[in-house]
Amino acid sequence: MANNNNDKMSREEAGRKGGEATAKNHDKEFYQEIGKKGGEATVKNHDKEFYQEIGEKGGEARAKQRDND
């Protein structure tokens, strides 16, 4: 997939290829560790209300999906 007519790779394609290359070089434990670090960093930057709000939004989005099934 090329972006425009000049054979440049789209941002989406570049991201996909980069993700595939990273997945080939790392195992499950790698992703668990970076997920843990990200979660710890997020907790330091947000309060209880933040998590309540995103949980509510996720629940509403899921309910809409279920209604459309």
PDB file of N, CA and C in Angstrom:
ATOM      1  N   MET A   1       0.836  -1.186   0.000  1.00  0.00           N
ATOM      2  CA  MET A   1       0.000   0.000   0.000  1.00  0.00           C
ATOM      3  C   MET A   1       0.874   1.240   0.000  1.00  0.00           C
ATOM      4  N   ALA A   2       0.716   2.055  -0.961  1.00  0.00           N
ATOM      5  CA  ALA A   2       1.493   3.274  -1.036  1.00  0.00           C
ATOM      6  C   ALA A   2       0.583   4.466  -0.764  1.00  0.00           C
ATOM      7  N   ASN A   3       1.131   5.503  -0.188  1.00  0.00           N
ATOM      8  CA  ASN A   3       0.409   6.722   0.089  1.00  0.00           C
ATOM      9  C   ASN A   3       0.720   7.711  -1.022  1.00  0.00           C
ATOM     10  N   ASN A   4      -0.280   8.286  -1.631  1.00  0.00           N
ATOM     11  CA  ASN A   4      -0.130   9.185  -2.776  1.00  0.00           C
ATOM     12  C   ASN A   4       0.417   8.415  -3.974  1.00  0.00           C
ATOM     13  N   ASN A   5       0.983   9.138  -4.928  1.00  0.00           N
ATOM     14  CA  ASN A   5       1.499   8.489  -6.130  1.00  0.00           C
ATOM     15  C   ASN A   5       3.014   8.374  -6.139  1.00  0.00           C
ATOM     16  N   ASN A   6       3.673   8.766  -5.072  1.00  0.00           N
ATOM     17  CA  ASN A   6       5.138   8.785  -5.070  1.00  0.00           C
ATOM     18  C   ASN A   6       5.741   7.594  -4.330  1.00  0.00           C
ATOM     19  N   ASP A   7       4.988   6.533  -4.175  1.00  0.00           N
ATOM     20  CA  ASP A   7       5.458   5.285  -3.573  1.00  0.00           C
ATOM     21  C   ASP A   7       5.953   5.415  -2.140  1.00  0.00           C
ATOM     22  N   LYS A   8       5.563   6.463  -1.437  1.00  0.00           N
ATOM     23  CA  LYS A   8       5.922   6.571  -0.022  1.00  0.00           C
ATOM     24  C   LYS A   8       4.990   5.691   0.794  1.00  0.00           C
ATOM     25  N   MET A   9       5.517   5.118   1.837  1.00  0.00           N
ATOM     26  CA  MET A   9       4.744   4.261   2.720  1.00  0.00           C
ATOM     27  C   MET A   9       3.835   5.137   3.590  1.00  0.00           C
ATOM     28  N   SER A  10       2.609   4.702   3.791  1.00  0.00           N
ATOM     29  CA  SER A  10       1.701   5.449   4.658  1.00  0.00           C
ATOM     30  C   SER A  10       2.148   5.285   6.111  1.00  0.00           C
ATOM     31  N   ARG A  11       1.711   6.184   6.936  1.00  0.00           N
ATOM     32  CA  ARG A  11       2.030   6.118   8.366  1.00  0.00           C
ATOM     33  C   ARG A  11       1.462   4.841   8.974  1.00  0.00           C
ATOM     34  N   GLU A  12       0.265   4.482   8.538  1.00  0.00           N
ATOM     35  CA  GLU A  12      -0.370   3.261   9.039  1.00  0.00           C
ATOM     36  C   GLU A  12       0.449   2.025   8.673  1.00  0.00           C
ATOM     37  N   GLU A  13       0.891   1.961   7.414  1.00  0.00           N
ATOM     38  CA  GLU A  13       1.678   0.812   6.981  1.00  0.00           C
ATOM     39  C   GLU A  13       3.018   0.757   7.706  1.00  0.00           C
ATOM     40  N   ALA A  14       3.650   1.910   7.892  1.00  0.00           N
ATOM     41  CA  ALA A  14       4.932   1.949   8.600  1.00  0.00           C
ATOM     42  C   ALA A  14       4.761   1.463  10.037  1.00  0.00           C
ATOM     43  N   GLY A  15       3.682   1.885  10.679  1.00  0.00           N
ATOM     44  CA  GLY A  15       3.416   1.444  12.048  1.00  0.00           C
ATOM     45  C   GLY A  15       3.176  -0.051  12.124  1.00  0.00           C
ATOM     46  N   ARG A  16       2.419  -0.566  11.176  1.00  0.00           N
ATOM     47  CA  ARG A  16       2.144  -2.004  11.152  1.00  0.00           C
ATOM     48  C   ARG A  16       3.423  -2.796  10.961  1.00  0.00           C
ATOM     49  N   LYS A  17       4.248  -2.365  10.009  1.00  0.00           N
ATOM     50  CA  LYS A  17       5.506  -3.078   9.749  1.00  0.00           C
ATOM     51  C   LYS A  17       6.437  -3.003  10.960  1.00  0.00           C
ATOM     52  N   GLY A  18       6.483  -1.847  11.598  1.00  0.00           N
ATOM     53  CA  GLY A  18       7.311  -1.696  12.786  1.00  0.00           C
ATOM     54  C   GLY A  18       6.831  -2.585  13.919  1.00  0.00           C
ATOM     55  N   GLY A  19       5.515  -2.662  14.089  1.00  0.00           N
ATOM     56  CA  GLY A  19       4.951  -3.516  15.123  1.00  0.00           C
ATOM     57  C   GLY A  19       5.244  -4.984  14.868  1.00  0.00           C
ATOM     58  N   GLU A  20       5.158  -5.391  13.607  1.00  0.00           N
ATOM     59  CA  GLU A  20       5.460  -6.781  13.261  1.00  0.00           C
ATOM     60  C   GLU A  20       6.929  -7.105  13.529  1.00  0.00           C
ATOM     61  N   ALA A  21       7.821  -6.178  13.179  1.00  0.00           N
ATOM     62  CA  ALA A  21       9.249  -6.397  13.408  1.00  0.00           C
ATOM     63  C   ALA A  21       9.549  -6.483  14.905  1.00  0.00           C
ATOM     64  N   THR A  22       8.927  -5.616  15.685  1.00  0.00           N
ATOM     65  CA  THR A  22       9.132  -5.634  17.130  1.00  0.00           C
ATOM     66  C   THR A  22       8.620  -6.943  17.721  1.00  0.00           C
ATOM     67  N   ALA A  23       7.457  -7.394  17.259  1.00  0.00           N
ATOM     68  CA  ALA A  23       6.888  -8.643  17.769  1.00  0.00           C
ATOM     69  C   ALA A  23       7.804  -9.834  17.493  1.00  0.00           C
ATOM     70  N   LYS A  24       8.515  -9.810  16.383  1.00  0.00           N
ATOM     71  CA  LYS A  24       9.427 -10.902  16.057  1.00  0.00           C
ATOM     72  C   LYS A  24      10.634 -10.923  16.992  1.00  0.00           C
ATOM     73  N   ASN A  25      10.993  -9.759  17.520  1.00  0.00           N
ATOM     74  CA  ASN A  25      12.200  -9.636  18.336  1.00  0.00           C
ATOM     75  C   ASN A  25      11.969  -9.743  19.837  1.00  0.00           C
ATOM     76  N   HIS A  26      10.713  -9.754  20.265  1.00  0.00           N
ATOM     77  CA  HIS A  26      10.425  -9.757  21.703  1.00  0.00           C
ATOM     78  C   HIS A  26       9.409 -10.832  22.051  1.00  0.00           C
ATOM     79  N   ASP A  27       9.487 -11.306  23.297  1.00  0.00           N
ATOM     80  CA  ASP A  27       8.582 -12.346  23.758  1.00  0.00           C
ATOM     81  C   ASP A  27       7.487 -11.769  24.662  1.00  0.00           C
ATOM     82  N   LYS A  28       6.641 -12.648  25.150  1.00  0.00           N
ATOM     83  CA  LYS A  28       5.512 -12.266  25.990  1.00  0.00           C
ATOM     84  C   LYS A  28       5.960 -11.484  27.219  1.00  0.00           C
ATOM     85  N   GLU A  29       7.051 -11.901  27.830  1.00  0.00           N
ATOM     86  CA  GLU A  29       7.533 -11.235  29.049  1.00  0.00           C
ATOM     87  C   GLU A  29       7.904  -9.772  28.774  1.00  0.00           C
ATOM     88  N   PHE A  30       8.458  -9.508  27.607  1.00  0.00           N
ATOM     89  CA  PHE A  30       8.809  -8.135  27.227  1.00  0.00           C
ATOM     90  C   PHE A  30       7.565  -7.256  27.257  1.00  0.00           C
ATOM     91  N   TYR A  31       6.491  -7.730  26.625  1.00  0.00           N
ATOM     92  CA  TYR A  31       5.264  -6.947  26.567  1.00  0.00           C
ATOM     93  C   TYR A  31       4.606  -6.827  27.931  1.00  0.00           C
ATOM     94  N   GLN A  32       4.708  -7.860  28.761  1.00  0.00           N
ATOM     95  CA  GLN A  32       4.179  -7.774  30.117  1.00  0.00           C
ATOM     96  C   GLN A  32       4.919  -6.705  30.912  1.00  0.00           C
ATOM     97  N   GLU A  33       6.223  -6.660  30.764  1.00  0.00           N
ATOM     98  CA  GLU A  33       7.036  -5.682  31.501  1.00  0.00           C
ATOM     99  C   GLU A  33       6.744  -4.251  31.069  1.00  0.00           C
ATOM    100  N   ILE A  34       6.652  -4.008  29.757  1.00  0.00           N
ATOM    101  CA  ILE A  34       6.386  -2.630  29.330  1.00  0.00           C
ATOM    102  C   ILE A  34       4.952  -2.230  29.688  1.00  0.00           C
ATOM    103  N   GLY A  35       4.034  -3.194  29.689  1.00  0.00           N
ATOM    104  CA  GLY A  35       2.667  -2.908  30.120  1.00  0.00           C
ATOM    105  C   GLY A  35       2.621  -2.543  31.589  1.00  0.00           C
ATOM    106  N   LYS A  36       3.374  -3.251  32.381  1.00  0.00           N
ATOM    107  CA  LYS A  36       3.444  -2.975  33.820  1.00  0.00           C
ATOM    108  C   LYS A  36       4.016  -1.580  34.071  1.00  0.00           C
ATOM    109  N   LYS A  37       5.097  -1.261  33.366  1.00  0.00           N
ATOM    110  CA  LYS A  37       5.708   0.063  33.525  1.00  0.00           C
ATOM    111  C   LYS A  37       4.746   1.168  33.108  1.00  0.00           C
ATOM    112  N   GLY A  38       4.038   0.952  32.017  1.00  0.00           N
ATOM    113  CA  GLY A  38       3.059   1.941  31.564  1.00  0.00           C
ATOM    114  C   GLY A  38       1.930   2.120  32.554  1.00  0.00           C
ATOM    115  N   GLY A  39       1.470   1.015  33.105  1.00  0.00           N
ATOM    116  CA  GLY A  39       0.416   1.092  34.112  1.00  0.00           C
ATOM    117  C   GLY A  39       0.859   1.833  35.354  1.00  0.00           C
ATOM    118  N   GLU A  40       2.079   1.577  35.794  1.00  0.00           N
ATOM    119  CA  GLU A  40       2.611   2.273  36.973  1.00  0.00           C
ATOM    120  C   GLU A  40       2.748   3.767  36.713  1.00  0.00           C
ATOM    121  N   ALA A  41       3.206   4.125  35.517  1.00  0.00           N
ATOM    122  CA  ALA A  41       3.357   5.541  35.170  1.00  0.00           C
ATOM    123  C   ALA A  41       1.990   6.229  35.103  1.00  0.00           C
ATOM    124  N   THR A  42       1.007   5.543  34.572  1.00  0.00           N
ATOM    125  CA  THR A  42      -0.330   6.116  34.456  1.00  0.00           C
ATOM    126  C   THR A  42      -0.946   6.348  35.827  1.00  0.00           C
ATOM    127  N   VAL A  43      -0.768   5.399  36.731  1.00  0.00           N
ATOM    128  CA  VAL A  43      -1.315   5.532  38.084  1.00  0.00           C
ATOM    129  C   VAL A  43      -0.745   6.766  38.773  1.00  0.00           C
ATOM    130  N   LYS A  44       0.511   7.053  38.535  1.00  0.00           N
ATOM    131  CA  LYS A  44       1.147   8.219  39.165  1.00  0.00           C
ATOM    132  C   LYS A  44       0.560   9.527  38.639  1.00  0.00           C
ATOM    133  N   ASN A  45       0.034   9.505  37.415  1.00  0.00           N
ATOM    134  CA  ASN A  45      -0.434  10.736  36.776  1.00  0.00           C
ATOM    135  C   ASN A  45      -1.946  10.942  36.816  1.00  0.00           C
ATOM    136  N   HIS A  46      -2.706   9.974  37.337  1.00  0.00           N
ATOM    137  CA  HIS A  46      -4.161  10.087  37.326  1.00  0.00           C
ATOM    138  C   HIS A  46      -4.749   9.660  38.663  1.00  0.00           C
ATOM    139  N   ASP A  47      -5.931  10.216  38.933  1.00  0.00           N
ATOM    140  CA  ASP A  47      -6.608   9.898  40.190  1.00  0.00           C
ATOM    141  C   ASP A  47      -7.780   8.940  39.960  1.00  0.00           C
ATOM    142  N   LYS A  48      -8.466   8.622  41.036  1.00  0.00           N
ATOM    143  CA  LYS A  48      -9.573   7.665  41.005  1.00  0.00           C
ATOM    144  C   LYS A  48     -10.658   8.098  40.019  1.00  0.00           C
ATOM    145  N   GLU A  49     -10.955   9.379  39.962  1.00  0.00           N
ATOM    146  CA  GLU A  49     -12.015   9.879  39.087  1.00  0.00           C
ATOM    147  C   GLU A  49     -11.679   9.629  37.614  1.00  0.00           C
ATOM    148  N   PHE A  50     -10.424   9.721  37.261  1.00  0.00           N
ATOM    149  CA  PHE A  50      -9.992   9.455  35.886  1.00  0.00           C
ATOM    150  C   PHE A  50     -10.369   8.027  35.500  1.00  0.00           C
ATOM    151  N   TYR A  51     -10.054   7.073  36.346  1.00  0.00           N
ATOM    152  CA  TYR A  51     -10.345   5.667  36.045  1.00  0.00           C
ATOM    153  C   TYR A  51     -11.839   5.394  36.040  1.00  0.00           C
ATOM    154  N   GLN A  52     -12.580   6.066  36.906  1.00  0.00           N
ATOM    155  CA  GLN A  52     -14.033   5.903  36.905  1.00  0.00           C
ATOM    156  C   GLN A  52     -14.621   6.405  35.588  1.00  0.00           C
ATOM    157  N   GLU A  53     -14.115   7.534  35.130  1.00  0.00           N
ATOM    158  CA  GLU A  53     -14.621   8.121  33.882  1.00  0.00           C
ATOM    159  C   GLU A  53     -14.318   7.238  32.676  1.00  0.00           C
ATOM    160  N   ILE A  54     -13.086   6.744  32.569  1.00  0.00           N
ATOM    161  CA  ILE A  54     -12.772   5.916  31.403  1.00  0.00           C
ATOM    162  C   ILE A  54     -13.485   4.568  31.481  1.00  0.00           C
ATOM    163  N   GLY A  55     -13.700   4.065  32.685  1.00  0.00           N
ATOM    164  CA  GLY A  55     -14.457   2.829  32.838  1.00  0.00           C
ATOM    165  C   GLY A  55     -15.905   3.003  32.406  1.00  0.00           C
ATOM    166  N   GLU A  56     -16.472   4.123  32.766  1.00  0.00           N
ATOM    167  CA  GLU A  56     -17.850   4.425  32.380  1.00  0.00           C
ATOM    168  C   GLU A  56     -17.960   4.554  30.861  1.00  0.00           C
ATOM    169  N   LYS A  57     -17.022   5.261  30.249  1.00  0.00           N
ATOM    170  CA  LYS A  57     -17.034   5.423  28.792  1.00  0.00           C
ATOM    171  C   LYS A  57     -16.899   4.067  28.097  1.00  0.00           C
ATOM    172  N   GLY A  58     -16.024   3.235  28.600  1.00  0.00           N
ATOM    173  CA  GLY A  58     -15.853   1.907  28.022  1.00  0.00           C
ATOM    174  C   GLY A  58     -17.102   1.065  28.157  1.00  0.00           C
ATOM    175  N   GLY A  59     -17.734   1.148  29.304  1.00  0.00           N
ATOM    176  CA  GLY A  59     -18.972   0.405  29.529  1.00  0.00           C
ATOM    177  C   GLY A  59     -20.086   0.863  28.603  1.00  0.00           C
ATOM    178  N   GLU A  60     -20.183   2.177  28.396  1.00  0.00           N
ATOM    179  CA  GLU A  60     -21.203   2.710  27.491  1.00  0.00           C
ATOM    180  C   GLU A  60     -20.937   2.274  26.052  1.00  0.00           C
ATOM    181  N   ALA A  61     -19.676   2.317  25.646  1.00  0.00           N
ATOM    182  CA  ALA A  61     -19.321   1.906  24.289  1.00  0.00           C
ATOM    183  C   ALA A  61     -19.635   0.433  24.079  1.00  0.00           C
ATOM    184  N   ARG A  62     -19.345  -0.383  25.075  1.00  0.00           N
ATOM    185  CA  ARG A  62     -19.610  -1.827  24.964  1.00  0.00           C
ATOM    186  C   ARG A  62     -21.109  -2.096  24.915  1.00  0.00           C
ATOM    187  N   ALA A  63     -21.890  -1.350  25.691  1.00  0.00           N
ATOM    188  CA  ALA A  63     -23.333  -1.521  25.671  1.00  0.00           C
ATOM    189  C   ALA A  63     -23.898  -1.194  24.292  1.00  0.00           C
ATOM    190  N   LYS A  64     -23.365  -0.154  23.656  1.00  0.00           N
ATOM    191  CA  LYS A  64     -23.807   0.199  22.300  1.00  0.00           C
ATOM    192  C   LYS A  64     -23.459  -0.909  21.311  1.00  0.00           C
ATOM    193  N   GLN A  65     -22.290  -1.499  21.467  1.00  0.00           N
ATOM    194  CA  GLN A  65     -21.891  -2.608  20.589  1.00  0.00           C
ATOM    195  C   GLN A  65     -22.853  -3.777  20.758  1.00  0.00           C
ATOM    196  N   ARG A  66     -23.169  -4.096  21.995  1.00  0.00           N
ATOM    197  CA  ARG A  66     -24.069  -5.213  22.277  1.00  0.00           C
ATOM    198  C   ARG A  66     -25.450  -4.961  21.689  1.00  0.00           C
ATOM    199  N   ASP A  67     -25.917  -3.719  21.761  1.00  0.00           N
ATOM    200  CA  ASP A  67     -27.230  -3.374  21.227  1.00  0.00           C
ATOM    201  C   ASP A  67     -27.276  -3.519  19.706  1.00  0.00           C
ATOM    202  N   ASN A  68     -26.122  -3.360  19.061  1.00  0.00           N
ATOM    203  CA  ASN A  68     -26.065  -3.453  17.599  1.00  0.00           C
ATOM    204  C   ASN A  68     -25.829  -4.867  17.108  1.00  0.00           C
ATOM    205  N   ASP A  69     -25.536  -5.791  17.998  1.00  0.00           N
ATOM    206  CA  ASP A  69     -25.280  -7.187  17.598  1.00  0.00           C
ATOM    207  C   ASP A  69     -26.552  -7.929  17.278  1.00  0.00           C
TER     208      ASP A  69
END
